[in-house]
PDB file of N, CA and C in Angstrom:
ATOM      1  N   MET A   1       0.837  -1.179   0.000  1.00  0.00           N
ATOM      2  CA  MET A   1       0.000   0.000   0.000  1.00  0.00           C
ATOM      3  C   MET A   1       0.885   1.246   0.000  1.00  0.00           C
ATOM      4  N   TYR A   2       0.373   2.275  -0.623  1.00  0.00           N
ATOM      5  CA  TYR A   2       1.094   3.540  -0.636  1.00  0.00           C
ATOM      6  C   TYR A   2       0.092   4.687  -0.596  1.00  0.00           C
ATOM      7  N   LEU A   3       0.567   5.847  -0.219  1.00  0.00           N
ATOM      8  CA  LEU A   3      -0.269   7.036  -0.133  1.00  0.00           C
ATOM      9  C   LEU A   3      -0.258   7.767  -1.467  1.00  0.00           C
ATOM     10  N   CYS A   4      -1.368   8.387  -1.790  1.00  0.00           N
ATOM     11  CA  CYS A   4      -1.511   9.131  -3.035  1.00  0.00           C
ATOM     12  C   CYS A   4      -2.182  10.464  -2.725  1.00  0.00           C
ATOM     13  N   ILE A   5      -1.665  11.535  -3.290  1.00  0.00           N
ATOM     14  CA  ILE A   5      -2.263  12.862  -3.134  1.00  0.00           C
ATOM     15  C   ILE A   5      -2.873  13.276  -4.467  1.00  0.00           C
ATOM     16  N   SER A   6      -4.115  13.753  -4.397  1.00  0.00           N
ATOM     17  CA  SER A   6      -4.829  14.232  -5.581  1.00  0.00           C
ATOM     18  C   SER A   6      -5.222  15.685  -5.351  1.00  0.00           C
ATOM     19  N   GLY A   7      -5.147  16.488  -6.409  1.00  0.00           N
ATOM     20  CA  GLY A   7      -5.499  17.900  -6.303  1.00  0.00           C
ATOM     21  C   GLY A   7      -6.568  18.291  -7.298  1.00  0.00           C
ATOM     22  N   PHE A   8      -7.489  19.118  -6.817  1.00  0.00           N
ATOM     23  CA  PHE A   8      -8.604  19.586  -7.626  1.00  0.00           C
ATOM     24  C   PHE A   8      -8.713  21.099  -7.509  1.00  0.00           C
ATOM     25  N   LEU A   9      -9.314  21.732  -8.506  1.00  0.00           N
ATOM     26  CA  LEU A   9      -9.557  23.170  -8.432  1.00  0.00           C
ATOM     27  C   LEU A   9     -10.500  23.442  -7.265  1.00  0.00           C
ATOM     28  N   PRO A  10     -10.192  24.425  -6.439  1.00  0.00           N
ATOM     29  CA  PRO A  10     -10.975  24.639  -5.223  1.00  0.00           C
ATOM     30  C   PRO A  10     -12.370  25.234  -5.427  1.00  0.00           C
ATOM     31  N   HIS A  11     -12.575  25.992  -6.488  1.00  0.00           N
ATOM     32  CA  HIS A  11     -13.852  26.696  -6.634  1.00  0.00           C
ATOM     33  C   HIS A  11     -14.538  26.390  -7.967  1.00  0.00           C
ATOM     34  N   GLU A  12     -14.314  25.200  -8.471  1.00  0.00           N
ATOM     35  CA  GLU A  12     -14.898  24.824  -9.755  1.00  0.00           C
ATOM     36  C   GLU A  12     -15.666  23.506  -9.612  1.00  0.00           C
ATOM     37  N   PRO A  13     -16.879  23.539  -9.051  1.00  0.00           N
ATOM     38  CA  PRO A  13     -17.624  22.299  -8.821  1.00  0.00           C
ATOM     39  C   PRO A  13     -17.941  21.526 -10.101  1.00  0.00           C
ATOM     40  N   GLU A  14     -18.046  22.208 -11.238  1.00  0.00           N
ATOM     41  CA  GLU A  14     -18.348  21.497 -12.468  1.00  0.00           C
ATOM     42  C   GLU A  14     -17.102  20.880 -13.107  1.00  0.00           C
ATOM     43  N   ASP A  15     -15.920  21.221 -12.612  1.00  0.00           N
ATOM     44  CA  ASP A  15     -14.672  20.646 -13.116  1.00  0.00           C
ATOM     45  C   ASP A  15     -14.099  19.731 -12.042  1.00  0.00           C
ATOM     46  N   ASP A  16     -14.416  18.434 -12.143  1.00  0.00           N
ATOM     47  CA  ASP A  16     -13.960  17.487 -11.133  1.00  0.00           C
ATOM     48  C   ASP A  16     -12.776  16.645 -11.614  1.00  0.00           C
ATOM     49  N   LEU A  17     -12.082  17.127 -12.632  1.00  0.00           N
ATOM     50  CA  LEU A  17     -10.910  16.417 -13.136  1.00  0.00           C
ATOM     51  C   LEU A  17      -9.711  16.662 -12.218  1.00  0.00           C
ATOM     52  N   ILE A  18      -8.909  15.638 -12.054  1.00  0.00           N
ATOM     53  CA  ILE A  18      -7.706  15.747 -11.222  1.00  0.00           C
ATOM     54  C   ILE A  18      -6.714  16.683 -11.916  1.00  0.00           C
ATOM     55  N   LYS A  19      -6.233  17.672 -11.176  1.00  0.00           N
ATOM     56  CA  LYS A  19      -5.260  18.627 -11.709  1.00  0.00           C
ATOM     57  C   LYS A  19      -3.844  18.321 -11.233  1.00  0.00           C
ATOM     58  N   PHE A  20      -3.743  17.483 -10.186  1.00  0.00           N
ATOM     59  CA  PHE A  20      -2.442  17.110  -9.635  1.00  0.00           C
ATOM     60  C   PHE A  20      -2.585  15.730  -9.025  1.00  0.00           C
ATOM     61  N   GLU A  21      -1.585  14.880  -9.254  1.00  0.00           N
ATOM     62  CA  GLU A  21      -1.575  13.561  -8.625  1.00  0.00           C
ATOM     63  C   GLU A  21      -0.136  13.184  -8.303  1.00  0.00           C
ATOM     64  N   LEU A  22       0.059  12.668  -7.110  1.00  0.00           N
ATOM     65  CA  LEU A  22       1.390  12.263  -6.676  1.00  0.00           C
ATOM     66  C   LEU A  22       1.286  10.962  -5.907  1.00  0.00           C
ATOM     67  N   ASP A  23       1.920   9.921  -6.424  1.00  0.00           N
ATOM     68  CA  ASP A  23       2.043   8.661  -5.695  1.00  0.00           C
ATOM     69  C   ASP A  23       3.274   8.780  -4.816  1.00  0.00           C
ATOM     70  N   ILE A  24       3.087   8.638  -3.513  1.00  0.00           N
ATOM     71  CA  ILE A  24       4.175   8.826  -2.560  1.00  0.00           C
ATOM     72  C   ILE A  24       4.897   7.506  -2.355  1.00  0.00           C
ATOM     73  N   ASP A  25       6.210   7.542  -2.451  1.00  0.00           N
ATOM     74  CA  ASP A  25       7.020   6.350  -2.231  1.00  0.00           C
ATOM     75  C   ASP A  25       6.695   5.762  -0.862  1.00  0.00           C
ATOM     76  N   HIS A  26       6.533   4.449  -0.814  1.00  0.00           N
ATOM     77  CA  HIS A  26       6.131   3.786   0.426  1.00  0.00           C
ATOM     78  C   HIS A  26       7.113   3.998   1.576  1.00  0.00           C
ATOM     79  N   SER A  27       8.332   4.408   1.279  1.00  0.00           N
ATOM     80  CA  SER A  27       9.316   4.641   2.344  1.00  0.00           C
ATOM     81  C   SER A  27       8.926   5.825   3.237  1.00  0.00           C
ATOM     82  N   PHE A  28       8.006   6.674   2.779  1.00  0.00           N
ATOM     83  CA  PHE A  28       7.537   7.824   3.558  1.00  0.00           C
ATOM     84  C   PHE A  28       6.262   7.515   4.357  1.00  0.00           C
ATOM     85  N   ASN A  29       5.690   6.326   4.173  1.00  0.00           N
ATOM     86  CA  ASN A  29       4.410   5.999   4.807  1.00  0.00           C
ATOM     87  C   ASN A  29       4.411   6.254   6.310  1.00  0.00           C
ATOM     88  N   ASP A  30       5.368   5.686   7.022  1.00  0.00           N
ATOM     89  CA  ASP A  30       5.371   5.791   8.487  1.00  0.00           C
ATOM     90  C   ASP A  30       5.440   7.241   8.955  1.00  0.00           C
ATOM     91  N   GLN A  31       6.295   8.047   8.341  1.00  0.00           N
ATOM     92  CA  GLN A  31       6.426   9.452   8.738  1.00  0.00           C
ATOM     93  C   GLN A  31       5.123  10.214   8.526  1.00  0.00           C
ATOM     94  N   ILE A  32       4.482   9.981   7.400  1.00  0.00           N
ATOM     95  CA  ILE A  32       3.252  10.708   7.094  1.00  0.00           C
ATOM     96  C   ILE A  32       2.099  10.220   7.970  1.00  0.00           C
ATOM     97  N   VAL A  33       2.000   8.924   8.155  1.00  0.00           N
ATOM     98  CA  VAL A  33       0.955   8.377   9.022  1.00  0.00           C
ATOM     99  C   VAL A  33       1.098   8.944  10.434  1.00  0.00           C
ATOM    100  N   GLN A  34       2.313   9.017  10.938  1.00  0.00           N
ATOM    101  CA  GLN A  34       2.549   9.583  12.268  1.00  0.00           C
ATOM    102  C   GLN A  34       2.202  11.067  12.303  1.00  0.00           C
ATOM    103  N   ALA A  35       2.520  11.796  11.226  1.00  0.00           N
ATOM    104  CA  ALA A  35       2.214  13.225  11.172  1.00  0.00           C
ATOM    105  C   ALA A  35       0.702  13.469  11.237  1.00  0.00           C
ATOM    106  N   PHE A  36      -0.079  12.511  10.746  1.00  0.00           N
ATOM    107  CA  PHE A  36      -1.531  12.604  10.799  1.00  0.00           C
ATOM    108  C   PHE A  36      -2.089  12.123  12.135  1.00  0.00           C
ATOM    109  N   GLY A  37      -1.222  11.538  12.965  1.00  0.00           N
ATOM    110  CA  GLY A  37      -1.666  11.058  14.271  1.00  0.00           C
ATOM    111  C   GLY A  37      -2.353   9.708  14.230  1.00  0.00           C
ATOM    112  N   HIS A  38      -2.143   8.961  13.157  1.00  0.00           N
ATOM    113  CA  HIS A  38      -2.724   7.622  13.051  1.00  0.00           C
ATOM    114  C   HIS A  38      -1.703   6.575  13.474  1.00  0.00           C
ATOM    115  N   LYS A  39      -2.205   5.393  13.797  1.00  0.00           N
ATOM    116  CA  LYS A  39      -1.314   4.314  14.236  1.00  0.00           C
ATOM    117  C   LYS A  39      -0.772   3.508  13.069  1.00  0.00           C
ATOM    118  N   SER A  40      -1.522   3.461  11.967  1.00  0.00           N
ATOM    119  CA  SER A  40      -1.066   2.665  10.831  1.00  0.00           C
ATOM    120  C   SER A  40      -1.698   3.178   9.541  1.00  0.00           C
ATOM    121  N   ILE A  41      -1.127   2.746   8.435  1.00  0.00           N
ATOM    122  CA  ILE A  41      -1.673   3.118   7.129  1.00  0.00           C
ATOM    123  C   ILE A  41      -3.041   2.475   6.927  1.00  0.00           C
ATOM    124  N   ASN A  42      -3.289   1.350   7.602  1.00  0.00           N
ATOM    125  CA  ASN A  42      -4.591   0.685   7.477  1.00  0.00           C
ATOM    126  C   ASN A  42      -5.723   1.588   7.964  1.00  0.00           C
ATOM    127  N   VAL A  43      -5.479   2.367   9.004  1.00  0.00           N
ATOM    128  CA  VAL A  43      -6.490   3.296   9.513  1.00  0.00           C
ATOM    129  C   VAL A  43      -6.769   4.367   8.461  1.00  0.00           C
ATOM    130  N   MET A  44      -5.721   4.841   7.802  1.00  0.00           N
ATOM    131  CA  MET A  44      -5.897   5.877   6.782  1.00  0.00           C
ATOM    132  C   MET A  44      -6.604   5.336   5.543  1.00  0.00           C
ATOM    133  N   ALA A  45      -6.585   4.018   5.351  1.00  0.00           N
ATOM    134  CA  ALA A  45      -7.216   3.411   4.177  1.00  0.00           C
ATOM    135  C   ALA A  45      -8.741   3.447   4.256  1.00  0.00           C
ATOM    136  N   GLU A  46      -9.282   3.901   5.385  1.00  0.00           N
ATOM    137  CA  GLU A  46     -10.731   3.940   5.562  1.00  0.00           C
ATOM    138  C   GLU A  46     -11.401   5.033   4.731  1.00  0.00           C
ATOM    139  N   GLY A  47     -10.633   5.934   4.156  1.00  0.00           N
ATOM    140  CA  GLY A  47     -11.241   6.997   3.370  1.00  0.00           C
ATOM    141  C   GLY A  47     -10.201   7.882   2.738  1.00  0.00           C
ATOM    142  N   GLU A  48     -10.683   8.968   2.163  1.00  0.00           N
ATOM    143  CA  GLU A  48      -9.797   9.966   1.584  1.00  0.00           C
ATOM    144  C   GLU A  48      -9.839  11.182   2.498  1.00  0.00           C
ATOM    145  N   TRP A  49      -8.698  11.792   2.723  1.00  0.00           N
ATOM    146  CA  TRP A  49      -8.568  12.855   3.705  1.00  0.00           C
ATOM    147  C   TRP A  49      -8.242  14.171   3.014  1.00  0.00           C
ATOM    148  N   GLN A  50      -9.069  15.195   3.240  1.00  0.00           N
ATOM    149  CA  GLN A  50      -8.745  16.513   2.705  1.00  0.00           C
ATOM    150  C   GLN A  50      -7.640  17.105   3.571  1.00  0.00           C
ATOM    151  N   LEU A  51      -6.609  17.625   2.922  1.00  0.00           N
ATOM    152  CA  LEU A  51      -5.450  18.143   3.633  1.00  0.00           C
ATOM    153  C   LEU A  51      -5.635  19.609   3.989  1.00  0.00           C
ATOM    154  N   THR A  52      -5.247  19.952   5.211  1.00  0.00           N
ATOM    155  CA  THR A  52      -5.219  21.352   5.618  1.00  0.00           C
ATOM    156  C   THR A  52      -3.916  21.961   5.107  1.00  0.00           C
ATOM    157  N   SER A  53      -3.825  23.279   5.138  1.00  0.00           N
ATOM    158  CA  SER A  53      -2.593  23.931   4.690  1.00  0.00           C
ATOM    159  C   SER A  53      -1.412  23.518   5.568  1.00  0.00           C
ATOM    160  N   GLU A  54      -1.657  23.294   6.851  1.00  0.00           N
ATOM    161  CA  GLU A  54      -0.593  22.840   7.751  1.00  0.00           C
ATOM    162  C   GLU A  54      -0.122  21.429   7.383  1.00  0.00           C
ATOM    163  N   GLN A  55      -1.061  20.560   7.042  1.00  0.00           N
ATOM    164  CA  GLN A  55      -0.698  19.198   6.637  1.00  0.00           C
ATOM    165  C   GLN A  55       0.057  19.205   5.319  1.00  0.00           C
ATOM    166  N   VAL A  56      -0.349  20.054   4.387  1.00  0.00           N
ATOM    167  CA  VAL A  56       0.359  20.173   3.107  1.00  0.00           C
ATOM    168  C   VAL A  56       1.798  20.611   3.364  1.00  0.00           C
ATOM    169  N   ALA A  57       1.984  21.589   4.235  1.00  0.00           N
ATOM    170  CA  ALA A  57       3.337  22.064   4.556  1.00  0.00           C
ATOM    171  C   ALA A  57       4.164  20.961   5.192  1.00  0.00           C
ATOM    172  N   ARG A  58       3.569  20.202   6.108  1.00  0.00           N
ATOM    173  CA  ARG A  58       4.290  19.121   6.798  1.00  0.00           C
ATOM    174  C   ARG A  58       4.672  18.011   5.822  1.00  0.00           C
ATOM    175  N   ILE A  59       3.755  17.629   4.947  1.00  0.00           N
ATOM    176  CA  ILE A  59       4.050  16.589   3.959  1.00  0.00           C
ATOM    177  C   ILE A  59       5.117  17.076   2.986  1.00  0.00           C
ATOM    178  N   SER A  60       5.046  18.328   2.582  1.00  0.00           N
ATOM    179  CA  SER A  60       6.075  18.900   1.711  1.00  0.00           C
ATOM    180  C   SER A  60       7.443  18.808   2.369  1.00  0.00           C
ATOM    181  N   GLU A  61       7.481  19.099   3.656  1.00  0.00           N
ATOM    182  CA  GLU A  61       8.729  19.013   4.416  1.00  0.00           C
ATOM    183  C   GLU A  61       9.251  17.579   4.461  1.00  0.00           C
ATOM    184  N   ILE A  62       8.372  16.626   4.728  1.00  0.00           N
ATOM    185  CA  ILE A  62       8.764  15.212   4.794  1.00  0.00           C
ATOM    186  C   ILE A  62       9.293  14.745   3.444  1.00  0.00           C
ATOM    187  N   LEU A  63       8.596  15.108   2.362  1.00  0.00           N
ATOM    188  CA  LEU A  63       8.974  14.647   1.024  1.00  0.00           C
ATOM    189  C   LEU A  63      10.145  15.421   0.436  1.00  0.00           C
ATOM    190  N   GLY A  64      10.389  16.626   0.959  1.00  0.00           N
ATOM    191  CA  GLY A  64      11.444  17.453   0.397  1.00  0.00           C
ATOM    192  C   GLY A  64      11.064  18.042  -0.946  1.00  0.00           C
ATOM    193  N   GLN A  65       9.773  18.244  -1.168  1.00  0.00           N
ATOM    194  CA  GLN A  65       9.300  18.862  -2.405  1.00  0.00           C
ATOM    195  C   GLN A  65       8.032  19.656  -2.118  1.00  0.00           C
ATOM    196  N   ASN A  66       7.859  20.718  -2.877  1.00  0.00           N
ATOM    197  CA  ASN A  66       6.690  21.569  -2.692  1.00  0.00           C
ATOM    198  C   ASN A  66       5.465  20.938  -3.327  1.00  0.00           C
ATOM    199  N   LEU A  67       4.365  21.007  -2.598  1.00  0.00           N
ATOM    200  CA  LEU A  67       3.074  20.581  -3.128  1.00  0.00           C
ATOM    201  C   LEU A  67       2.296  21.833  -3.510  1.00  0.00           C
ATOM    202  N   PRO A  68       1.390  21.730  -4.471  1.00  0.00           N
ATOM    203  CA  PRO A  68       0.629  22.911  -4.881  1.00  0.00           C
ATOM    204  C   PRO A  68      -0.223  23.446  -3.734  1.00  0.00           C
ATOM    205  N   THR A  69      -0.246  24.745  -3.588  1.00  0.00           N
ATOM    206  CA  THR A  69      -1.038  25.367  -2.537  1.00  0.00           C
ATOM    207  C   THR A  69      -2.303  26.020  -3.086  1.00  0.00           C
ATOM    208  N   ASP A  70      -2.449  26.004  -4.406  1.00  0.00           N
ATOM    209  CA  ASP A  70      -3.613  26.630  -5.023  1.00  0.00           C
ATOM    210  C   ASP A  70      -4.717  25.627  -5.368  1.00  0.00           C
ATOM    211  N   LEU A  71      -4.534  24.375  -4.964  1.00  0.00           N
ATOM    212  CA  LEU A  71      -5.520  23.333  -5.225  1.00  0.00           C
ATOM    213  C   LEU A  71      -6.064  22.779  -3.913  1.00  0.00           C
ATOM    214  N   LYS A  72      -7.236  22.165  -3.983  1.00  0.00           N
ATOM    215  CA  LYS A  72      -7.784  21.431  -2.858  1.00  0.00           C
ATOM    216  C   LYS A  72      -7.153  20.038  -2.934  1.00  0.00           C
ATOM    217  N   LEU A  73      -6.345  19.673  -1.924  1.00  0.00           N
ATOM    218  CA  LEU A  73      -5.610  18.419  -1.946  1.00  0.00           C
ATOM    219  C   LEU A  73      -6.250  17.392  -1.026  1.00  0.00           C
ATOM    220  N   PHE A  74      -6.250  16.154  -1.499  1.00  0.00           N
ATOM    221  CA  PHE A  74      -6.763  15.016  -0.755  1.00  0.00           C
ATOM    222  C   PHE A  74      -5.701  13.930  -0.729  1.00  0.00           C
ATOM    223  N   MET A  75      -5.662  13.154   0.352  1.00  0.00           N
ATOM    224  CA  MET A  75      -4.741  12.028   0.420  1.00  0.00           C
ATOM    225  C   MET A  75      -5.528  10.772   0.719  1.00  0.00           C
ATOM    226  N   GLY A  76      -5.188   9.717   0.000  1.00  0.00           N
ATOM    227  CA  GLY A  76      -5.818   8.430   0.196  1.00  0.00           C
ATOM    228  C   GLY A  76      -4.776   7.329   0.080  1.00  0.00           C
ATOM    229  N   VAL A  77      -5.231   6.113   0.253  1.00  0.00           N
ATOM    230  CA  VAL A  77      -4.345   4.948   0.200  1.00  0.00           C
ATOM    231  C   VAL A  77      -4.674   4.153  -1.057  1.00  0.00           C
ATOM    232  N   GLU A  78      -3.648   3.802  -1.782  1.00  0.00           N
ATOM    233  CA  GLU A  78      -3.780   2.958  -2.988  1.00  0.00           C
ATOM    234  C   GLU A  78      -3.153   1.600  -2.697  1.00  0.00           C
ATOM    235  N   VAL A  79      -3.678   0.596  -3.345  1.00  0.00           N
ATOM    236  CA  VAL A  79      -3.140  -0.766  -3.155  1.00  0.00           C
ATOM    237  C   VAL A  79      -2.308  -1.152  -4.346  1.00  0.00           C
TER     238      VAL A  79
END
């Protein structure tokens, strides 16, 4: 399992196409799961999580790359 981030336009309800997608290397799973305060990736697999600006900043720091700040970002688990 690995984490995936998807980004959508924040104020365009009729445009539901993904504008950003990032499959996160599984080596970052534990750090990100802990940053969310979960015990395991299995708990996060229960749904898709909308990211706050603070979470986006923290994940960017963990990954060492900037994530878009102009999109509504969600994180989920892929198998």
